[in-house]
Amino acid sequence: MLLPRLRMALVGFPDPALPQTLLRARSRPGWETASLDDADALWVAGQSARMESDGLVRVWNGEGKPAVVLHLNSLQRPLTFTQPLVDPRLQVADRVDLHNPGNVDQALRRTEQFLRAVLLQLTMGQQIAERLLTLTAHTYHVTLKEKLVAVVSVPGRMGIELSTDPEELAEARWVARPPHARDIPKWFLPTSFAECLWLYASRTRTELLPHRYRSAPLYFRCVPPVPQRLMQNVHYAVLAELATAPRTFAELQEAIGLPEPELDAALTVLYFAGSITCNAARAARGGAASTRDAVTASELRNSIFPPVAPAPGVPDATMPAPLEWRP
């Protein structure tokens, strides 16, 4: 089973050819380079990094480009500095010698272990996408060699056993269960149907957007039920346009000014999150005024993710809504 690749940001490299070659040579799992915002992990050139203060690192990023500032104490992604290090204060950080194949392998293995949750979510997203039209039950138990490895509520919460080998999930059995069997063991990785599909759809090179979404009017349906960290400006821009009025693919492209492949990618993940529809009967009707009246990406962002925590008893704004393919 060929999984979508993990993503590595290369920061501070005057010549990224060597790290790019090393990442492309990795196959299980595969790796690709990505922007800092999209990356799962970071390789930072040791010769470009300086410790500014406790936990604050400034990385030179090329002539005419602003430096990248990393807050090591709050960074939630694995970070590895490449040797040589010019600042001895960085010796305590994780390091890799790109000219030592064994050391590169060890460093990537450590990073991949840290990213096991992402790998499991990508794998489950792929399995869901392949079964999408056949998942007619509300709850599934996913078993591997008679062991429960995941509990899936369609299209809501999901839990995955963390010790599961992602590559073996392709051989797992999906057993339909009644709704009351949806309890997730406390030691399972908590995630959701929409989040796994979003991660998978944002990385696969397969064309997943239904053809009708390229010609029919598109409607705003609901807030994407995914963590805010997955939302980018392009997603807010699309939803802001559709929250104002229905738009076709061509009208969206003209309004937002995106190249066709980028708009296709944005609509694909929003489709799998159940946030857009080309069925007027399933469009949002009389939603929250702040969301329906938002006309810019920033206004929509504030209406979807308000800075103030919701009052006790008020449902979370990112509560999953049924996906479009559900009857």
C-alpha atoms as a PDB file:
ATOM      1  CA  MET A   1       0.000   0.000   0.000  1.00  0.00           C
ATOM      2  CA  LEU A   2       1.484   3.325  -1.089  1.00  0.00           C
ATOM      3  CA  LEU A   3       0.694   5.992   1.485  1.00  0.00           C
ATOM      4  CA  PRO A   4       0.778   9.749   0.890  1.00  0.00           C
ATOM      5  CA  ARG A   5       4.161  11.168   1.848  1.00  0.00           C
ATOM      6  CA  LEU A   6       5.153  12.847   5.062  1.00  0.00           C
ATOM      7  CA  ARG A   7       6.286  16.452   4.654  1.00  0.00           C
ATOM      8  CA  MET A   8       9.601  18.001   5.663  1.00  0.00           C
ATOM      9  CA  ALA A   9      10.395  21.722   5.692  1.00  0.00           C
ATOM     10  CA  LEU A  10      14.001  22.606   4.866  1.00  0.00           C
ATOM     11  CA  VAL A  11      14.932  25.798   6.705  1.00  0.00           C
ATOM     12  CA  GLY A  12      18.105  27.825   6.220  1.00  0.00           C
ATOM     13  CA  PHE A  13      19.737  25.702   3.491  1.00  0.00           C
ATOM     14  CA  PRO A  14      21.692  27.772   0.921  1.00  0.00           C
ATOM     15  CA  ASP A  15      21.638  24.670  -1.301  1.00  0.00           C
ATOM     16  CA  PRO A  16      18.830  22.182  -0.457  1.00  0.00           C
ATOM     17  CA  ALA A  17      19.879  19.623  -3.098  1.00  0.00           C
ATOM     18  CA  LEU A  18      21.407  17.106  -0.657  1.00  0.00           C
ATOM     19  CA  PRO A  19      18.541  16.993   1.881  1.00  0.00           C
ATOM     20  CA  GLN A  20      16.013  16.838  -0.950  1.00  0.00           C
ATOM     21  CA  THR A  21      17.840  13.854  -2.460  1.00  0.00           C
ATOM     22  CA  LEU A  22      17.971  12.058   0.879  1.00  0.00           C
ATOM     23  CA  LEU A  23      14.256  12.580   1.471  1.00  0.00           C
ATOM     24  CA  ARG A  24      13.286  11.393  -2.008  1.00  0.00           C
ATOM     25  CA  ALA A  25      15.268   8.195  -1.445  1.00  0.00           C
ATOM     26  CA  ARG A  26      13.095   7.314   1.559  1.00  0.00           C
ATOM     27  CA  SER A  27      10.194   5.051   0.595  1.00  0.00           C
ATOM     28  CA  ARG A  28       8.622   3.525   3.718  1.00  0.00           C
ATOM     29  CA  PRO A  29       7.207   5.963   4.520  1.00  0.00           C
ATOM     30  CA  GLY A  30       7.898   8.381   1.680  1.00  0.00           C
ATOM     31  CA  TRP A  31       8.917  11.986   2.260  1.00  0.00           C
ATOM     32  CA  GLU A  32       8.569  15.201   0.287  1.00  0.00           C
ATOM     33  CA  THR A  33       9.618  18.776   0.937  1.00  0.00           C
ATOM     34  CA  ALA A  34       6.977  21.339   1.880  1.00  0.00           C
ATOM     35  CA  SER A  35       6.591  24.875   3.155  1.00  0.00           C
ATOM     36  CA  LEU A  36       7.049  25.593   6.833  1.00  0.00           C
ATOM     37  CA  ASP A  37       3.282  25.922   7.324  1.00  0.00           C
ATOM     38  CA  ASP A  38       2.484  22.587   5.655  1.00  0.00           C
ATOM     39  CA  ALA A  39       5.329  20.480   7.050  1.00  0.00           C
ATOM     40  CA  ASP A  40       5.055  17.647   9.574  1.00  0.00           C
ATOM     41  CA  ALA A  41       8.708  18.029  10.601  1.00  0.00           C
ATOM     42  CA  LEU A  42      11.659  20.393  10.138  1.00  0.00           C
ATOM     43  CA  TRP A  43      15.277  20.020   9.130  1.00  0.00           C
ATOM     44  CA  VAL A  44      17.170  23.214  10.014  1.00  0.00           C
ATOM     45  CA  ALA A  45      20.631  23.926   8.614  1.00  0.00           C
ATOM     46  CA  GLY A  46      22.947  24.090  11.615  1.00  0.00           C
ATOM     47  CA  GLN A  47      25.256  26.618   9.959  1.00  0.00           C
ATOM     48  CA  SER A  48      22.341  29.058   9.584  1.00  0.00           C
ATOM     49  CA  ALA A  49      20.880  28.824  13.098  1.00  0.00           C
ATOM     50  CA  ARG A  50      21.654  30.961  16.126  1.00  0.00           C
ATOM     51  CA  MET A  51      20.204  30.785  19.639  1.00  0.00           C
ATOM     52  CA  GLU A  52      18.802  34.229  20.405  1.00  0.00           C
ATOM     53  CA  SER A  53      17.637  33.422  23.937  1.00  0.00           C
ATOM     54  CA  ASP A  54      16.427  30.447  25.924  1.00  0.00           C
ATOM     55  CA  GLY A  55      14.331  28.391  23.487  1.00  0.00           C
ATOM     56  CA  LEU A  56      14.334  31.055  20.731  1.00  0.00           C
ATOM     57  CA  VAL A  57      16.288  30.256  17.542  1.00  0.00           C
ATOM     58  CA  ARG A  58      16.765  32.586  14.580  1.00  0.00           C
ATOM     59  CA  VAL A  59      17.513  30.948  11.222  1.00  0.00           C
ATOM     60  CA  TRP A  60      18.999  32.824   8.259  1.00  0.00           C
ATOM     61  CA  ASN A  61      16.856  31.956   5.257  1.00  0.00           C
ATOM     62  CA  GLY A  62      18.681  33.452   2.298  1.00  0.00           C
ATOM     63  CA  GLU A  63      19.537  36.885   0.943  1.00  0.00           C
ATOM     64  CA  GLY A  64      16.548  39.211   0.832  1.00  0.00           C
ATOM     65  CA  LYS A  65      14.342  36.832   2.812  1.00  0.00           C
ATOM     66  CA  PRO A  66      13.206  37.362   6.400  1.00  0.00           C
ATOM     67  CA  ALA A  67      14.799  35.140   9.015  1.00  0.00           C
ATOM     68  CA  VAL A  68      12.731  32.291  10.427  1.00  0.00           C
ATOM     69  CA  VAL A  69      12.230  32.438  14.207  1.00  0.00           C
ATOM     70  CA  LEU A  70      11.543  29.128  15.951  1.00  0.00           C
ATOM     71  CA  HIS A  71      10.249  28.847  19.509  1.00  0.00           C
ATOM     72  CA  LEU A  72      11.669  25.481  20.561  1.00  0.00           C
ATOM     73  CA  ASN A  73       9.638  25.299  23.779  1.00  0.00           C
ATOM     74  CA  SER A  74       6.299  25.560  21.972  1.00  0.00           C
ATOM     75  CA  LEU A  75       7.095  23.873  18.655  1.00  0.00           C
ATOM     76  CA  GLN A  76       4.822  20.840  18.316  1.00  0.00           C
ATOM     77  CA  ARG A  77       6.603  19.274  15.353  1.00  0.00           C
ATOM     78  CA  PRO A  78       9.845  17.279  15.415  1.00  0.00           C
ATOM     79  CA  LEU A  79      12.863  19.447  14.599  1.00  0.00           C
ATOM     80  CA  THR A  80      16.363  18.265  13.707  1.00  0.00           C
ATOM     81  CA  PHE A  81      19.439  20.455  13.182  1.00  0.00           C
ATOM     82  CA  THR A  82      21.902  19.379  10.515  1.00  0.00           C
ATOM     83  CA  GLN A  83      25.587  19.326  11.334  1.00  0.00           C
ATOM     84  CA  PRO A  84      27.860  21.220  11.579  1.00  0.00           C
ATOM     85  CA  LEU A  85      26.383  23.523  14.220  1.00  0.00           C
ATOM     86  CA  VAL A  86      27.977  26.963  14.470  1.00  0.00           C
ATOM     87  CA  ASP A  87      26.228  27.758  17.757  1.00  0.00           C
ATOM     88  CA  PRO A  88      27.348  25.364  20.526  1.00  0.00           C
ATOM     89  CA  ARG A  89      24.191  26.163  22.504  1.00  0.00           C
ATOM     90  CA  LEU A  90      22.240  24.029  19.995  1.00  0.00           C
ATOM     91  CA  GLN A  91      24.159  20.872  20.920  1.00  0.00           C
ATOM     92  CA  VAL A  92      21.305  19.809  23.205  1.00  0.00           C
ATOM     93  CA  ALA A  93      18.898  19.607  20.251  1.00  0.00           C
ATOM     94  CA  ASP A  94      18.332  16.605  17.982  1.00  0.00           C
ATOM     95  CA  ARG A  95      21.022  16.536  15.285  1.00  0.00           C
ATOM     96  CA  VAL A  96      21.769  14.701  12.025  1.00  0.00           C
ATOM     97  CA  ASP A  97      24.827  14.389   9.809  1.00  0.00           C
ATOM     98  CA  LEU A  98      23.500  14.415   6.240  1.00  0.00           C
ATOM     99  CA  HIS A  99      26.777  12.905   4.973  1.00  0.00           C
ATOM    100  CA  ASN A 100      26.371   9.814   7.171  1.00  0.00           C
ATOM    101  CA  PRO A 101      23.697   7.461   5.707  1.00  0.00           C
ATOM    102  CA  GLY A 102      23.316   5.514   8.948  1.00  0.00           C
ATOM    103  CA  ASN A 103      22.849   8.676  10.954  1.00  0.00           C
ATOM    104  CA  VAL A 104      20.257   9.974   8.455  1.00  0.00           C
ATOM    105  CA  ASP A 105      18.337   6.693   8.730  1.00  0.00           C
ATOM    106  CA  GLN A 106      18.333   6.873  12.536  1.00  0.00           C
ATOM    107  CA  ALA A 107      17.199  10.498  12.526  1.00  0.00           C
ATOM    108  CA  LEU A 108      14.344   9.802  10.137  1.00  0.00           C
ATOM    109  CA  ARG A 109      13.273   6.752  12.149  1.00  0.00           C
ATOM    110  CA  ARG A 110      13.047   8.907  15.287  1.00  0.00           C
ATOM    111  CA  THR A 111      11.005  11.500  13.405  1.00  0.00           C
ATOM    112  CA  GLU A 112       8.709   8.861  11.895  1.00  0.00           C
ATOM    113  CA  GLN A 113       8.082   7.378  15.329  1.00  0.00           C
ATOM    114  CA  PHE A 114       7.140  10.844  16.587  1.00  0.00           C
ATOM    115  CA  LEU A 115       4.764  11.172  13.618  1.00  0.00           C
ATOM    116  CA  ARG A 116       3.096   7.777  14.045  1.00  0.00           C
ATOM    117  CA  ALA A 117      -0.235   9.474  14.744  1.00  0.00           C
ATOM    118  CA  VAL A 118      -0.022  11.352  11.415  1.00  0.00           C
ATOM    119  CA  LEU A 119       0.848   8.129   9.571  1.00  0.00           C
ATOM    120  CA  LEU A 120      -2.117   6.330  11.140  1.00  0.00           C
ATOM    121  CA  GLN A 121      -4.467   9.183  10.233  1.00  0.00           C
ATOM    122  CA  LEU A 122      -3.199   9.195   6.642  1.00  0.00           C
ATOM    123  CA  THR A 123      -3.689   5.436   6.421  1.00  0.00           C
ATOM    124  CA  MET A 124      -7.205   5.586   7.828  1.00  0.00           C
ATOM    125  CA  GLY A 125      -8.032   8.461   5.507  1.00  0.00           C
ATOM    126  CA  GLN A 126      -6.948   6.347   2.552  1.00  0.00           C
ATOM    127  CA  GLN A 127      -8.982   3.366   3.739  1.00  0.00           C
ATOM    128  CA  ILE A 128     -12.076   5.540   4.248  1.00  0.00           C
ATOM    129  CA  ALA A 129     -11.697   7.155   0.807  1.00  0.00           C
ATOM    130  CA  GLU A 130     -11.545   3.712  -0.822  1.00  0.00           C
ATOM    131  CA  ARG A 131     -14.660   2.531   1.073  1.00  0.00           C
ATOM    132  CA  LEU A 132     -16.554   5.817   1.046  1.00  0.00           C
ATOM    133  CA  LEU A 133     -19.634   4.696  -0.879  1.00  0.00           C
ATOM    134  CA  THR A 134     -19.926   1.355   0.908  1.00  0.00           C
ATOM    135  CA  LEU A 135     -19.847   2.549   4.529  1.00  0.00           C
ATOM    136  CA  THR A 136     -23.578   2.299   5.184  1.00  0.00           C
ATOM    137  CA  ALA A 137     -23.445   1.534   8.932  1.00  0.00           C
ATOM    138  CA  HIS A 138     -22.991   4.206  11.585  1.00  0.00           C
ATOM    139  CA  THR A 139     -20.256   2.380  13.506  1.00  0.00           C
ATOM    140  CA  TYR A 140     -17.418   0.082  12.466  1.00  0.00           C
ATOM    141  CA  HIS A 141     -14.916  -1.970  14.434  1.00  0.00           C
ATOM    142  CA  VAL A 142     -11.655  -2.341  12.518  1.00  0.00           C
ATOM    143  CA  THR A 143      -9.843  -5.541  13.442  1.00  0.00           C
ATOM    144  CA  LEU A 144      -6.420  -6.900  12.525  1.00  0.00           C
ATOM    145  CA  LYS A 145      -5.679 -10.551  13.353  1.00  0.00           C
ATOM    146  CA  GLU A 146      -8.743 -10.552  15.637  1.00  0.00           C
ATOM    147  CA  LYS A 147      -7.425  -7.506  17.525  1.00  0.00           C
ATOM    148  CA  LEU A 148      -9.437  -4.279  17.686  1.00  0.00           C
ATOM    149  CA  VAL A 149      -7.279  -1.537  16.153  1.00  0.00           C
ATOM    150  CA  ALA A 150      -9.833   1.203  15.429  1.00  0.00           C
ATOM    151  CA  VAL A 151     -13.387   2.316  16.168  1.00  0.00           C
ATOM    152  CA  VAL A 152     -15.010   4.446  13.476  1.00  0.00           C
ATOM    153  CA  SER A 153     -18.238   6.421  13.848  1.00  0.00           C
ATOM    154  CA  VAL A 154     -19.549   7.540  10.451  1.00  0.00           C
ATOM    155  CA  PRO A 155     -19.015  10.419   9.976  1.00  0.00           C
ATOM    156  CA  GLY A 156     -17.907  11.472  13.443  1.00  0.00           C
ATOM    157  CA  ARG A 157     -15.339  10.438  16.031  1.00  0.00           C
ATOM    158  CA  MET A 158     -12.664   7.826  15.529  1.00  0.00           C
ATOM    159  CA  GLY A 159     -10.045   6.114  17.663  1.00  0.00           C
ATOM    160  CA  ILE A 160      -6.953   4.230  16.464  1.00  0.00           C
ATOM    161  CA  GLU A 161      -4.694   1.931  18.500  1.00  0.00           C
ATOM    162  CA  LEU A 162      -1.304   3.672  18.481  1.00  0.00           C
ATOM    163  CA  SER A 163       0.881   0.568  18.258  1.00  0.00           C
ATOM    164  CA  THR A 164      -0.763  -0.476  14.979  1.00  0.00           C
ATOM    165  CA  ASP A 165       1.528  -0.751  11.966  1.00  0.00           C
ATOM    166  CA  PRO A 166       0.109   1.733   9.394  1.00  0.00           C
ATOM    167  CA  GLU A 167       0.996  -0.545   6.476  1.00  0.00           C
ATOM    168  CA  GLU A 168      -0.956  -3.449   7.982  1.00  0.00           C
ATOM    169  CA  LEU A 169      -4.192  -1.439   8.163  1.00  0.00           C
ATOM    170  CA  ALA A 170      -4.824  -2.271   4.507  1.00  0.00           C
ATOM    171  CA  GLU A 171      -5.405  -5.884   5.597  1.00  0.00           C
ATOM    172  CA  ALA A 172      -7.790  -5.016   8.439  1.00  0.00           C
ATOM    173  CA  ARG A 173     -11.455  -6.077   8.489  1.00  0.00           C
ATOM    174  CA  TRP A 174     -14.195  -3.464   8.836  1.00  0.00           C
ATOM    175  CA  VAL A 175     -17.081  -4.960  10.793  1.00  0.00           C
ATOM    176  CA  ALA A 176     -20.385  -3.081  10.948  1.00  0.00           C
ATOM    177  CA  ARG A 177     -21.617  -2.618  14.508  1.00  0.00           C
ATOM    178  CA  PRO A 178     -24.713  -1.043  16.096  1.00  0.00           C
ATOM    179  CA  PRO A 179     -24.484   2.607  17.186  1.00  0.00           C
ATOM    180  CA  HIS A 180     -24.092   1.718  20.876  1.00  0.00           C
ATOM    181  CA  ALA A 181     -20.756  -0.021  20.066  1.00  0.00           C
ATOM    182  CA  ARG A 182     -19.024   3.274  19.276  1.00  0.00           C
ATOM    183  CA  ASP A 183     -17.161   3.656  22.588  1.00  0.00           C
ATOM    184  CA  ILE A 184     -13.462   4.298  21.993  1.00  0.00           C
ATOM    185  CA  PRO A 185     -10.858   2.826  24.396  1.00  0.00           C
ATOM    186  CA  LYS A 186      -9.120   5.585  26.351  1.00  0.00           C
ATOM    187  CA  TRP A 187      -5.660   4.561  25.148  1.00  0.00           C
ATOM    188  CA  PHE A 188      -6.578   4.921  21.443  1.00  0.00           C
ATOM    189  CA  LEU A 189      -5.489   7.951  19.406  1.00  0.00           C
ATOM    190  CA  PRO A 190      -8.531  10.263  19.261  1.00  0.00           C
ATOM    191  CA  THR A 191      -9.240  11.685  15.812  1.00  0.00           C
ATOM    192  CA  SER A 192     -12.204  12.064  13.476  1.00  0.00           C
ATOM    193  CA  PHE A 193     -13.592  10.872  10.172  1.00  0.00           C
ATOM    194  CA  ALA A 194     -13.235  14.352   8.664  1.00  0.00           C
ATOM    195  CA  GLU A 195      -9.696  14.982   9.953  1.00  0.00           C
ATOM    196  CA  CYS A 196      -8.343  11.722   8.496  1.00  0.00           C
ATOM    197  CA  LEU A 197     -10.005  12.392   5.150  1.00  0.00           C
ATOM    198  CA  TRP A 198      -8.714  15.977   5.131  1.00  0.00           C
ATOM    199  CA  LEU A 199      -5.109  14.864   5.743  1.00  0.00           C
ATOM    200  CA  TYR A 200      -5.328  12.178   3.070  1.00  0.00           C
ATOM    201  CA  ALA A 201      -7.080  14.319   0.451  1.00  0.00           C
ATOM    202  CA  SER A 202      -4.625  17.190   0.921  1.00  0.00           C
ATOM    203  CA  ARG A 203      -1.667  14.944   0.024  1.00  0.00           C
ATOM    204  CA  THR A 204      -2.822  12.455  -2.555  1.00  0.00           C
ATOM    205  CA  ARG A 205      -2.082  13.095  -6.205  1.00  0.00           C
ATOM    206  CA  THR A 206      -5.195  11.202  -7.271  1.00  0.00           C
ATOM    207  CA  GLU A 207      -8.046  13.352  -8.619  1.00  0.00           C
ATOM    208  CA  LEU A 208     -10.687  13.049  -5.905  1.00  0.00           C
ATOM    209  CA  LEU A 209     -13.021  16.019  -6.478  1.00  0.00           C
ATOM    210  CA  PRO A 210     -16.246  14.808  -8.186  1.00  0.00           C
ATOM    211  CA  HIS A 211     -16.576  16.205 -11.710  1.00  0.00           C
ATOM    212  CA  ARG A 212     -19.906  17.887 -10.942  1.00  0.00           C
ATOM    213  CA  TYR A 213     -18.050  20.229  -8.562  1.00  0.00           C
ATOM    214  CA  ARG A 214     -16.302  21.753 -11.573  1.00  0.00           C
ATOM    215  CA  SER A 215     -19.506  22.829 -13.304  1.00  0.00           C
ATOM    216  CA  ALA A 216     -22.424  23.058 -10.861  1.00  0.00           C
ATOM    217  CA  PRO A 217     -22.945  25.945  -8.403  1.00  0.00           C
ATOM    218  CA  LEU A 218     -21.218  25.299  -5.075  1.00  0.00           C
ATOM    219  CA  TYR A 219     -22.812  26.128  -1.718  1.00  0.00           C
ATOM    220  CA  PHE A 220     -21.480  26.706   1.776  1.00  0.00           C
ATOM    221  CA  ARG A 221     -22.676  23.866   3.966  1.00  0.00           C
ATOM    222  CA  CYS A 222     -20.952  23.882   7.351  1.00  0.00           C
ATOM    223  CA  VAL A 223     -17.802  24.762   9.234  1.00  0.00           C
ATOM    224  CA  PRO A 224     -15.023  22.213   8.542  1.00  0.00           C
ATOM    225  CA  PRO A 225     -14.963  19.804  11.507  1.00  0.00           C
ATOM    226  CA  VAL A 226     -11.153  19.747  11.648  1.00  0.00           C
ATOM    227  CA  PRO A 227      -8.551  21.358  13.925  1.00  0.00           C
ATOM    228  CA  GLN A 228      -7.789  24.985  13.143  1.00  0.00           C
ATOM    229  CA  ARG A 229      -4.124  24.164  12.401  1.00  0.00           C
ATOM    230  CA  LEU A 230      -5.235  22.405   9.191  1.00  0.00           C
ATOM    231  CA  MET A 231      -7.075  25.470   7.874  1.00  0.00           C
ATOM    232  CA  GLN A 232      -5.155  27.771   5.539  1.00  0.00           C
ATOM    233  CA  ASN A 233      -5.987  31.154   4.039  1.00  0.00           C
ATOM    234  CA  VAL A 234      -7.178  29.567   0.806  1.00  0.00           C
ATOM    235  CA  HIS A 235      -9.813  27.544   2.682  1.00  0.00           C
ATOM    236  CA  TYR A 236     -11.073  30.638   4.494  1.00  0.00           C
ATOM    237  CA  ALA A 237     -11.183  32.545   1.213  1.00  0.00           C
ATOM    238  CA  VAL A 238     -13.270  29.843  -0.492  1.00  0.00           C
ATOM    239  CA  LEU A 239     -15.694  29.567   2.420  1.00  0.00           C
ATOM    240  CA  ALA A 240     -16.007  33.348   2.676  1.00  0.00           C
ATOM    241  CA  GLU A 241     -17.062  33.523  -0.976  1.00  0.00           C
ATOM    242  CA  LEU A 242     -19.542  30.661  -0.670  1.00  0.00           C
ATOM    243  CA  ALA A 243     -20.967  32.016   2.593  1.00  0.00           C
ATOM    244  CA  THR A 244     -21.932  35.127   0.645  1.00  0.00           C
ATOM    245  CA  ALA A 245     -23.492  33.412  -2.386  1.00  0.00           C
ATOM    246  CA  PRO A 246     -23.209  30.198  -4.433  1.00  0.00           C
ATOM    247  CA  ARG A 247     -20.328  30.173  -6.906  1.00  0.00           C
ATOM    248  CA  THR A 248     -19.229  27.878  -9.707  1.00  0.00           C
ATOM    249  CA  PHE A 249     -15.639  26.658  -9.946  1.00  0.00           C
ATOM    250  CA  ALA A 250     -14.899  29.273 -12.615  1.00  0.00           C
ATOM    251  CA  GLU A 251     -16.501  32.076 -10.582  1.00  0.00           C
ATOM    252  CA  LEU A 252     -14.521  31.080  -7.491  1.00  0.00           C
ATOM    253  CA  GLN A 253     -11.325  31.003  -9.490  1.00  0.00           C
ATOM    254  CA  GLU A 254     -11.980  34.492 -10.818  1.00  0.00           C
ATOM    255  CA  ALA A 255     -12.984  35.881  -7.416  1.00  0.00           C
ATOM    256  CA  ILE A 256     -10.050  34.427  -5.470  1.00  0.00           C
ATOM    257  CA  GLY A 257      -7.429  34.484  -8.211  1.00  0.00           C
ATOM    258  CA  LEU A 258      -6.115  30.968  -7.624  1.00  0.00           C
ATOM    259  CA  PRO A 259      -4.536  28.699 -10.242  1.00  0.00           C
ATOM    260  CA  GLU A 260      -6.825  25.809 -11.151  1.00  0.00           C
ATOM    261  CA  PRO A 261      -4.773  23.065  -9.399  1.00  0.00           C
ATOM    262  CA  GLU A 262      -4.685  25.032  -6.119  1.00  0.00           C
ATOM    263  CA  LEU A 263      -8.430  25.693  -6.163  1.00  0.00           C
ATOM    264  CA  ASP A 264      -9.076  22.048  -7.002  1.00  0.00           C
ATOM    265  CA  ALA A 265      -6.963  20.990  -4.005  1.00  0.00           C
ATOM    266  CA  ALA A 266      -8.771  23.402  -1.659  1.00  0.00           C
ATOM    267  CA  LEU A 267     -12.226  22.293  -2.816  1.00  0.00           C
ATOM    268  CA  THR A 268     -11.229  18.630  -2.489  1.00  0.00           C
ATOM    269  CA  VAL A 269     -10.449  18.848   1.221  1.00  0.00           C
ATOM    270  CA  LEU A 270     -13.510  21.028   1.883  1.00  0.00           C
ATOM    271  CA  TYR A 271     -15.648  18.461   0.050  1.00  0.00           C
ATOM    272  CA  PHE A 272     -14.299  15.602   2.149  1.00  0.00           C
ATOM    273  CA  ALA A 273     -14.865  17.659   5.297  1.00  0.00           C
ATOM    274  CA  GLY A 274     -18.521  18.033   4.294  1.00  0.00           C
ATOM    275  CA  SER A 275     -18.187  21.830   4.190  1.00  0.00           C
ATOM    276  CA  ILE A 276     -19.342  22.439   0.621  1.00  0.00           C
ATOM    277  CA  THR A 277     -22.054  20.952  -1.549  1.00  0.00           C
ATOM    278  CA  CYS A 278     -23.491  21.336  -5.045  1.00  0.00           C
ATOM    279  CA  ASN A 279     -26.919  20.258  -3.772  1.00  0.00           C
ATOM    280  CA  ALA A 280     -28.898  23.383  -2.887  1.00  0.00           C
ATOM    281  CA  ALA A 281     -31.134  21.363  -0.546  1.00  0.00           C
ATOM    282  CA  ARG A 282     -28.104  20.568   1.625  1.00  0.00           C
ATOM    283  CA  ALA A 283     -26.718  24.101   1.780  1.00  0.00           C
ATOM    284  CA  ALA A 284     -26.541  25.974   5.073  1.00  0.00           C
ATOM    285  CA  ARG A 285     -29.825  27.674   5.897  1.00  0.00           C
ATOM    286  CA  GLY A 286     -30.056  30.472   8.428  1.00  0.00           C
ATOM    287  CA  GLY A 287     -26.725  29.646  10.044  1.00  0.00           C
ATOM    288  CA  ALA A 288     -25.042  31.805  12.630  1.00  0.00           C
ATOM    289  CA  ALA A 289     -25.350  35.407  11.501  1.00  0.00           C
ATOM    290  CA  SER A 290     -21.648  36.102  12.045  1.00  0.00           C
ATOM    291  CA  THR A 291     -20.700  33.259   9.729  1.00  0.00           C
ATOM    292  CA  ARG A 292     -23.334  33.933   7.072  1.00  0.00           C
ATOM    293  CA  ASP A 293     -22.481  37.648   6.980  1.00  0.00           C
ATOM    294  CA  ALA A 294     -18.712  37.181   6.794  1.00  0.00           C
ATOM    295  CA  VAL A 295     -17.393  38.560   3.528  1.00  0.00           C
ATOM    296  CA  THR A 296     -13.610  38.286   3.979  1.00  0.00           C
ATOM    297  CA  ALA A 297     -11.322  35.418   4.913  1.00  0.00           C
ATOM    298  CA  SER A 298     -10.316  37.070   8.198  1.00  0.00           C
ATOM    299  CA  GLU A 299     -13.934  37.749   9.188  1.00  0.00           C
ATOM    300  CA  LEU A 300     -14.860  34.161   8.431  1.00  0.00           C
ATOM    301  CA  ARG A 301     -11.871  32.888  10.431  1.00  0.00           C
ATOM    302  CA  ASN A 302     -12.986  34.890  13.452  1.00  0.00           C
ATOM    303  CA  SER A 303     -16.566  33.670  13.138  1.00  0.00           C
ATOM    304  CA  ILE A 304     -15.533  30.016  12.842  1.00  0.00           C
ATOM    305  CA  PHE A 305     -12.871  30.109  15.556  1.00  0.00           C
ATOM    306  CA  PRO A 306     -13.895  32.845  18.021  1.00  0.00           C
ATOM    307  CA  PRO A 307     -11.138  33.978  20.399  1.00  0.00           C
ATOM    308  CA  VAL A 308     -13.398  33.514  23.420  1.00  0.00           C
ATOM    309  CA  ALA A 309     -14.119  29.991  24.630  1.00  0.00           C
ATOM    310  CA  PRO A 310     -17.756  28.908  24.235  1.00  0.00           C
ATOM    311  CA  ALA A 311     -19.978  29.019  27.276  1.00  0.00           C
ATOM    312  CA  PRO A 312     -20.597  25.750  29.146  1.00  0.00           C
ATOM    313  CA  GLY A 313     -23.237  23.655  27.423  1.00  0.00           C
ATOM    314  CA  VAL A 314     -22.849  25.368  24.032  1.00  0.00           C
ATOM    315  CA  PRO A 315     -21.929  22.886  21.289  1.00  0.00           C
ATOM    316  CA  ASP A 316     -18.455  23.169  19.731  1.00  0.00           C
ATOM    317  CA  ALA A 317     -18.543  25.129  16.460  1.00  0.00           C
ATOM    318  CA  THR A 318     -16.513  22.384  14.790  1.00  0.00           C
ATOM    319  CA  MET A 319     -18.915  19.570  15.622  1.00  0.00           C
ATOM    320  CA  PRO A 320     -19.008  17.182  12.639  1.00  0.00           C
ATOM    321  CA  ALA A 321     -21.959  17.399  10.268  1.00  0.00           C
ATOM    322  CA  PRO A 322     -22.961  14.474   8.049  1.00  0.00           C
ATOM    323  CA  LEU A 323     -20.861  14.229   4.916  1.00  0.00           C
ATOM    324  CA  GLU A 324     -22.511  14.831   1.579  1.00  0.00           C
ATOM    325  CA  TRP A 325     -22.580  11.242   0.436  1.00  0.00           C
ATOM    326  CA  ARG A 326     -24.791  10.206   3.353  1.00  0.00           C
ATOM    327  CA  PRO A 327     -28.440   9.610   2.336  1.00  0.00           C
END
